[in-house]
Amino acid sequence: MDGFNAHEWEKATNAARIEHCRMAAREAEAFAEMASIELRPVYTELATSWKVLAAEIEQAMNVAVKNG
C-alpha cells in the first residue's frame, strides 16, 4: 500500500495491514527525529498509535486462528 487508502485497507490481508502499520510507525519515528521540539511528541504519539494498531490486528488474527 502506498499511503493510506480506506478502500485498499478493506481489501488488504491482515498481514498486509500489520506491515503497513509498522511501516507507518517507522516513518512517524523518522519524522519525530527530524521534527521541531513542538512537533516531536505528536509524531512520537502517532508512531505509538500505529504500533498499537499493528499489535491489535495481530492479536485478533492470532485469536481467529486459535478459534479456527
PDB file of N, CA and C in Angstrom:
ATOM      1  N   MET A   1       0.836  -1.181   0.000  1.00  0.00           N
ATOM      2  CA  MET A   1       0.000   0.000   0.000  1.00  0.00           C
ATOM      3  C   MET A   1       0.877   1.239   0.000  1.00  0.00           C
ATOM      4  N   ASP A   2       0.433   2.229  -0.707  1.00  0.00           N
ATOM      5  CA  ASP A   2       1.154   3.495  -0.764  1.00  0.00           C
ATOM      6  C   ASP A   2       0.288   4.544  -0.085  1.00  0.00           C
ATOM      7  N   GLY A   3       0.715   5.041   1.066  1.00  0.00           N
ATOM      8  CA  GLY A   3      -0.125   5.956   1.811  1.00  0.00           C
ATOM      9  C   GLY A   3      -1.271   5.204   2.449  1.00  0.00           C
ATOM     10  N   PHE A   4      -2.332   5.909   2.793  1.00  0.00           N
ATOM     11  CA  PHE A   4      -3.490   5.233   3.378  1.00  0.00           C
ATOM     12  C   PHE A   4      -4.682   5.439   2.475  1.00  0.00           C
ATOM     13  N   ASN A   5      -5.302   4.343   2.108  1.00  0.00           N
ATOM     14  CA  ASN A   5      -6.484   4.352   1.274  1.00  0.00           C
ATOM     15  C   ASN A   5      -7.464   3.369   1.904  1.00  0.00           C
ATOM     16  N   ALA A   6      -8.608   3.874   2.374  1.00  0.00           N
ATOM     17  CA  ALA A   6      -9.565   3.032   3.089  1.00  0.00           C
ATOM     18  C   ALA A   6     -10.062   1.881   2.227  1.00  0.00           C
ATOM     19  N   HIS A   7     -10.238   2.117   0.942  1.00  0.00           N
ATOM     20  CA  HIS A   7     -10.718   1.052   0.057  1.00  0.00           C
ATOM     21  C   HIS A   7      -9.675  -0.061  -0.058  1.00  0.00           C
ATOM     22  N   GLU A   8      -8.404   0.312  -0.207  1.00  0.00           N
ATOM     23  CA  GLU A   8      -7.340  -0.689  -0.270  1.00  0.00           C
ATOM     24  C   GLU A   8      -7.186  -1.401   1.072  1.00  0.00           C
ATOM     25  N   TRP A   9      -7.333  -0.647   2.168  1.00  0.00           N
ATOM     26  CA  TRP A   9      -7.219  -1.223   3.510  1.00  0.00           C
ATOM     27  C   TRP A   9      -8.255  -2.313   3.707  1.00  0.00           C
ATOM     28  N   GLU A  10      -9.470  -2.048   3.252  1.00  0.00           N
ATOM     29  CA  GLU A  10     -10.560  -3.010   3.393  1.00  0.00           C
ATOM     30  C   GLU A  10     -10.252  -4.315   2.670  1.00  0.00           C
ATOM     31  N   LYS A  11      -9.592  -4.229   1.530  1.00  0.00           N
ATOM     32  CA  LYS A  11      -9.276  -5.414   0.732  1.00  0.00           C
ATOM     33  C   LYS A  11      -7.989  -6.111   1.170  1.00  0.00           C
ATOM     34  N   ALA A  12      -7.168  -5.436   1.958  1.00  0.00           N
ATOM     35  CA  ALA A  12      -5.859  -5.977   2.332  1.00  0.00           C
ATOM     36  C   ALA A  12      -5.993  -7.127   3.327  1.00  0.00           C
ATOM     37  N   THR A  13      -5.032  -8.024   3.280  1.00  0.00           N
ATOM     38  CA  THR A  13      -4.972  -9.096   4.272  1.00  0.00           C
ATOM     39  C   THR A  13      -4.525  -8.502   5.609  1.00  0.00           C
ATOM     40  N   ASN A  14      -4.765  -9.238   6.667  1.00  0.00           N
ATOM     41  CA  ASN A  14      -4.296  -8.771   7.976  1.00  0.00           C
ATOM     42  C   ASN A  14      -2.780  -8.621   7.992  1.00  0.00           C
ATOM     43  N   ALA A  15      -2.084  -9.526   7.355  1.00  0.00           N
ATOM     44  CA  ALA A  15      -0.616  -9.434   7.307  1.00  0.00           C
ATOM     45  C   ALA A  15      -0.179  -8.150   6.615  1.00  0.00           C
ATOM     46  N   ALA A  16      -0.852  -7.786   5.536  1.00  0.00           N
ATOM     47  CA  ALA A  16      -0.526  -6.543   4.819  1.00  0.00           C
ATOM     48  C   ALA A  16      -0.861  -5.331   5.681  1.00  0.00           C
ATOM     49  N   ARG A  17      -1.960  -5.394   6.415  1.00  0.00           N
ATOM     50  CA  ARG A  17      -2.330  -4.282   7.299  1.00  0.00           C
ATOM     51  C   ARG A  17      -1.298  -4.103   8.404  1.00  0.00           C
ATOM     52  N   ILE A  18      -0.851  -5.214   8.977  1.00  0.00           N
ATOM     53  CA  ILE A  18       0.164  -5.156  10.034  1.00  0.00           C
ATOM     54  C   ILE A  18       1.441  -4.541   9.487  1.00  0.00           C
ATOM     55  N   GLU A  19       1.872  -4.976   8.318  1.00  0.00           N
ATOM     56  CA  GLU A  19       3.096  -4.429   7.716  1.00  0.00           C
ATOM     57  C   GLU A  19       2.936  -2.939   7.428  1.00  0.00           C
ATOM     58  N   HIS A  20       1.774  -2.548   6.944  1.00  0.00           N
ATOM     59  CA  HIS A  20       1.535  -1.128   6.671  1.00  0.00           C
ATOM     60  C   HIS A  20       1.624  -0.317   7.963  1.00  0.00           C
ATOM     61  N   CYS A  21       1.021  -0.816   9.031  1.00  0.00           N
ATOM     62  CA  CYS A  21       1.069  -0.119  10.314  1.00  0.00           C
ATOM     63  C   CYS A  21       2.503   0.027  10.810  1.00  0.00           C
ATOM     64  N   ARG A  22       3.268  -1.039  10.694  1.00  0.00           N
ATOM     65  CA  ARG A  22       4.658  -0.989  11.159  1.00  0.00           C
ATOM     66  C   ARG A  22       5.491  -0.030  10.321  1.00  0.00           C
ATOM     67  N   MET A  23       5.239  -0.002   9.016  1.00  0.00           N
ATOM     68  CA  MET A  23       5.940   0.940   8.140  1.00  0.00           C
ATOM     69  C   MET A  23       5.568   2.375   8.497  1.00  0.00           C
ATOM     70  N   ALA A  24       4.288   2.618   8.740  1.00  0.00           N
ATOM     71  CA  ALA A  24       3.838   3.959   9.104  1.00  0.00           C
ATOM     72  C   ALA A  24       4.454   4.382  10.441  1.00  0.00           C
ATOM     73  N   ALA A  25       4.584   3.448  11.370  1.00  0.00           N
ATOM     74  CA  ALA A  25       5.217   3.747  12.656  1.00  0.00           C
ATOM     75  C   ALA A  25       6.680   4.132  12.461  1.00  0.00           C
ATOM     76  N   ARG A  26       7.383   3.383  11.617  1.00  0.00           N
ATOM     77  CA  ARG A  26       8.795   3.718  11.343  1.00  0.00           C
ATOM     78  C   ARG A  26       8.909   5.102  10.717  1.00  0.00           C
ATOM     79  N   GLU A  27       8.017   5.419   9.797  1.00  0.00           N
ATOM     80  CA  GLU A  27       8.036   6.735   9.150  1.00  0.00           C
ATOM     81  C   GLU A  27       7.762   7.835  10.175  1.00  0.00           C
ATOM     82  N   ALA A  28       6.791   7.630  11.032  1.00  0.00           N
ATOM     83  CA  ALA A  28       6.475   8.629  12.056  1.00  0.00           C
ATOM     84  C   ALA A  28       7.653   8.822  13.005  1.00  0.00           C
ATOM     85  N   GLU A  29       8.339   7.728  13.350  1.00  0.00           N
ATOM     86  CA  GLU A  29       9.527   7.839  14.204  1.00  0.00           C
ATOM     87  C   GLU A  29      10.628   8.633  13.507  1.00  0.00           C
ATOM     88  N   ALA A  30      10.782   8.423  12.212  1.00  0.00           N
ATOM     89  CA  ALA A  30      11.786   9.179  11.459  1.00  0.00           C
ATOM     90  C   ALA A  30      11.429  10.664  11.438  1.00  0.00           C
ATOM     91  N   PHE A  31      10.152  10.969  11.245  1.00  0.00           N
ATOM     92  CA  PHE A  31       9.721  12.362  11.276  1.00  0.00           C
ATOM     93  C   PHE A  31       9.953  12.968  12.652  1.00  0.00           C
ATOM     94  N   ALA A  32       9.715  12.188  13.699  1.00  0.00           N
ATOM     95  CA  ALA A  32       9.924  12.680  15.063  1.00  0.00           C
ATOM     96  C   ALA A  32      11.374  13.085  15.283  1.00  0.00           C
ATOM     97  N   GLU A  33      12.290  12.305  14.744  1.00  0.00           N
ATOM     98  CA  GLU A  33      13.713  12.621  14.896  1.00  0.00           C
ATOM     99  C   GLU A  33      14.090  13.929  14.220  1.00  0.00           C
ATOM    100  N   MET A  34      13.397  14.257  13.128  1.00  0.00           N
ATOM    101  CA  MET A  34      13.710  15.469  12.366  1.00  0.00           C
ATOM    102  C   MET A  34      12.834  16.660  12.752  1.00  0.00           C
ATOM    103  N   ALA A  35      11.789  16.407  13.516  1.00  0.00           N
ATOM    104  CA  ALA A  35      10.792  17.438  13.800  1.00  0.00           C
ATOM    105  C   ALA A  35      11.287  18.458  14.814  1.00  0.00           C
ATOM    106  N   SER A  36      10.610  19.586  14.801  1.00  0.00           N
ATOM    107  CA  SER A  36      10.882  20.603  15.807  1.00  0.00           C
ATOM    108  C   SER A  36      10.463  20.057  17.173  1.00  0.00           C
ATOM    109  N   ILE A  37      10.950  20.694  18.201  1.00  0.00           N
ATOM    110  CA  ILE A  37      10.649  20.252  19.561  1.00  0.00           C
ATOM    111  C   ILE A  37       9.141  20.260  19.830  1.00  0.00           C
ATOM    112  N   GLU A  38       8.439  21.175  19.165  1.00  0.00           N
ATOM    113  CA  GLU A  38       6.987  21.270  19.360  1.00  0.00           C
ATOM    114  C   GLU A  38       6.254  20.099  18.710  1.00  0.00           C
ATOM    115  N   LEU A  39       6.737  19.635  17.570  1.00  0.00           N
ATOM    116  CA  LEU A  39       6.052  18.575  16.836  1.00  0.00           C
ATOM    117  C   LEU A  39       6.534  17.168  17.181  1.00  0.00           C
ATOM    118  N   ARG A  40       7.686  17.064  17.779  1.00  0.00           N
ATOM    119  CA  ARG A  40       8.260  15.748  18.085  1.00  0.00           C
ATOM    120  C   ARG A  40       7.291  14.855  18.870  1.00  0.00           C
ATOM    121  N   PRO A  41       6.646  15.354  19.929  1.00  0.00           N
ATOM    122  CA  PRO A  41       5.717  14.482  20.667  1.00  0.00           C
ATOM    123  C   PRO A  41       4.519  14.030  19.828  1.00  0.00           C
ATOM    124  N   VAL A  42       4.096  14.843  18.896  1.00  0.00           N
ATOM    125  CA  VAL A  42       2.962  14.484  18.048  1.00  0.00           C
ATOM    126  C   VAL A  42       3.340  13.305  17.158  1.00  0.00           C
ATOM    127  N   TYR A  43       4.512  13.368  16.534  1.00  0.00           N
ATOM    128  CA  TYR A  43       4.963  12.270  15.682  1.00  0.00           C
ATOM    129  C   TYR A  43       5.242  11.006  16.500  1.00  0.00           C
ATOM    130  N   THR A  44       5.765  11.183  17.697  1.00  0.00           N
ATOM    131  CA  THR A  44       6.024  10.039  18.565  1.00  0.00           C
ATOM    132  C   THR A  44       4.709   9.359  18.952  1.00  0.00           C
ATOM    133  N   GLU A  45       3.700  10.152  19.276  1.00  0.00           N
ATOM    134  CA  GLU A  45       2.385   9.596  19.611  1.00  0.00           C
ATOM    135  C   GLU A  45       1.766   8.902  18.402  1.00  0.00           C
ATOM    136  N   LEU A  46       1.952   9.476  17.233  1.00  0.00           N
ATOM    137  CA  LEU A  46       1.440   8.860  16.008  1.00  0.00           C
ATOM    138  C   LEU A  46       2.107   7.501  15.784  1.00  0.00           C
ATOM    139  N   ALA A  47       3.417   7.441  15.970  1.00  0.00           N
ATOM    140  CA  ALA A  47       4.140   6.170  15.818  1.00  0.00           C
ATOM    141  C   ALA A  47       3.614   5.134  16.800  1.00  0.00           C
ATOM    142  N   THR A  48       3.385   5.555  18.024  1.00  0.00           N
ATOM    143  CA  THR A  48       2.855   4.639  19.034  1.00  0.00           C
ATOM    144  C   THR A  48       1.479   4.126  18.630  1.00  0.00           C
ATOM    145  N   SER A  49       0.647   5.003  18.099  1.00  0.00           N
ATOM    146  CA  SER A  49      -0.695   4.592  17.671  1.00  0.00           C
ATOM    147  C   SER A  49      -0.635   3.548  16.558  1.00  0.00           C
ATOM    148  N   TRP A  50       0.269   3.745  15.599  1.00  0.00           N
ATOM    149  CA  TRP A  50       0.421   2.758  14.515  1.00  0.00           C
ATOM    150  C   TRP A  50       0.895   1.420  15.068  1.00  0.00           C
ATOM    151  N   LYS A  51       1.816   1.457  16.039  1.00  0.00           N
ATOM    152  CA  LYS A  51       2.309   0.214  16.639  1.00  0.00           C
ATOM    153  C   LYS A  51       1.199  -0.514  17.400  1.00  0.00           C
ATOM    154  N   VAL A  52       0.393   0.232  18.118  1.00  0.00           N
ATOM    155  CA  VAL A  52      -0.719  -0.370  18.862  1.00  0.00           C
ATOM    156  C   VAL A  52      -1.709  -1.000  17.895  1.00  0.00           C
ATOM    157  N   LEU A  53      -2.020  -0.311  16.813  1.00  0.00           N
ATOM    158  CA  LEU A  53      -2.939  -0.863  15.826  1.00  0.00           C
ATOM    159  C   LEU A  53      -2.389  -2.157  15.234  1.00  0.00           C
ATOM    160  N   ALA A  54      -1.111  -2.172  14.904  1.00  0.00           N
ATOM    161  CA  ALA A  54      -0.491  -3.388  14.367  1.00  0.00           C
ATOM    162  C   ALA A  54      -0.614  -4.530  15.368  1.00  0.00           C
ATOM    163  N   ALA A  55      -0.346  -4.244  16.626  1.00  0.00           N
ATOM    164  CA  ALA A  55      -0.414  -5.276  17.665  1.00  0.00           C
ATOM    165  C   ALA A  55      -1.839  -5.789  17.836  1.00  0.00           C
ATOM    166  N   GLU A  56      -2.806  -4.895  17.775  1.00  0.00           N
ATOM    167  CA  GLU A  56      -4.203  -5.309  17.933  1.00  0.00           C
ATOM    168  C   GLU A  56      -4.675  -6.157  16.755  1.00  0.00           C
ATOM    169  N   ILE A  57      -4.272  -5.799  15.558  1.00  0.00           N
ATOM    170  CA  ILE A  57      -4.625  -6.608  14.383  1.00  0.00           C
ATOM    171  C   ILE A  57      -3.980  -7.987  14.506  1.00  0.00           C
ATOM    172  N   GLU A  58      -2.715  -8.002  14.902  1.00  0.00           N
ATOM    173  CA  GLU A  58      -2.005  -9.270  15.049  1.00  0.00           C
ATOM    174  C   GLU A  58      -2.653 -10.143  16.121  1.00  0.00           C
ATOM    175  N   GLN A  59      -3.042  -9.551  17.229  1.00  0.00           N
ATOM    176  CA  GLN A  59      -3.690 -10.302  18.294  1.00  0.00           C
ATOM    177  C   GLN A  59      -5.031 -10.871  17.811  1.00  0.00           C
ATOM    178  N   ALA A  60      -5.811 -10.055  17.121  1.00  0.00           N
ATOM    179  CA  ALA A  60      -7.094 -10.529  16.595  1.00  0.00           C
ATOM    180  C   ALA A  60      -6.888 -11.654  15.594  1.00  0.00           C
ATOM    181  N   MET A  61      -5.856 -11.531  14.785  1.00  0.00           N
ATOM    182  CA  MET A  61      -5.548 -12.567  13.806  1.00  0.00           C
ATOM    183  C   MET A  61      -5.175 -13.872  14.509  1.00  0.00           C
ATOM    184  N   ASN A  62      -4.384 -13.779  15.576  1.00  0.00           N
ATOM    185  CA  ASN A  62      -3.977 -14.964  16.322  1.00  0.00           C
ATOM    186  C   ASN A  62      -5.163 -15.616  17.021  1.00  0.00           C
ATOM    187  N   VAL A  63      -6.077 -14.822  17.540  1.00  0.00           N
ATOM    188  CA  VAL A  63      -7.276 -15.358  18.180  1.00  0.00           C
ATOM    189  C   VAL A  63      -8.144 -16.075  17.151  1.00  0.00           C
ATOM    190  N   ALA A  64      -8.280 -15.480  15.970  1.00  0.00           N
ATOM    191  CA  ALA A  64      -9.081 -16.098  14.926  1.00  0.00           C
ATOM    192  C   ALA A  64      -8.490 -17.444  14.500  1.00  0.00           C
ATOM    193  N   VAL A  65      -7.180 -17.513  14.402  1.00  0.00           N
ATOM    194  CA  VAL A  65      -6.512 -18.763  14.028  1.00  0.00           C
ATOM    195  C   VAL A  65      -6.717 -19.798  15.133  1.00  0.00           C
ATOM    196  N   LYS A  66      -6.564 -19.360  16.366  1.00  0.00           N
ATOM    197  CA  LYS A  66      -6.720 -20.263  17.510  1.00  0.00           C
ATOM    198  C   LYS A  66      -8.149 -20.824  17.592  1.00  0.00           C
ATOM    199  N   ASN A  67      -9.121 -19.978  17.280  1.00  0.00           N
ATOM    200  CA  ASN A  67     -10.524 -20.397  17.366  1.00  0.00           C
ATOM    201  C   ASN A  67     -11.010 -21.116  16.115  1.00  0.00           C
ATOM    202  N   GLY A  68     -10.120 -21.207  15.152  1.00  0.00           N
ATOM    203  CA  GLY A  68     -10.388 -21.973  13.952  1.00  0.00           C
ATOM    204  C   GLY A  68     -11.413 -21.421  13.066  1.00  0.00           C
TER     205      GLY A  68
END
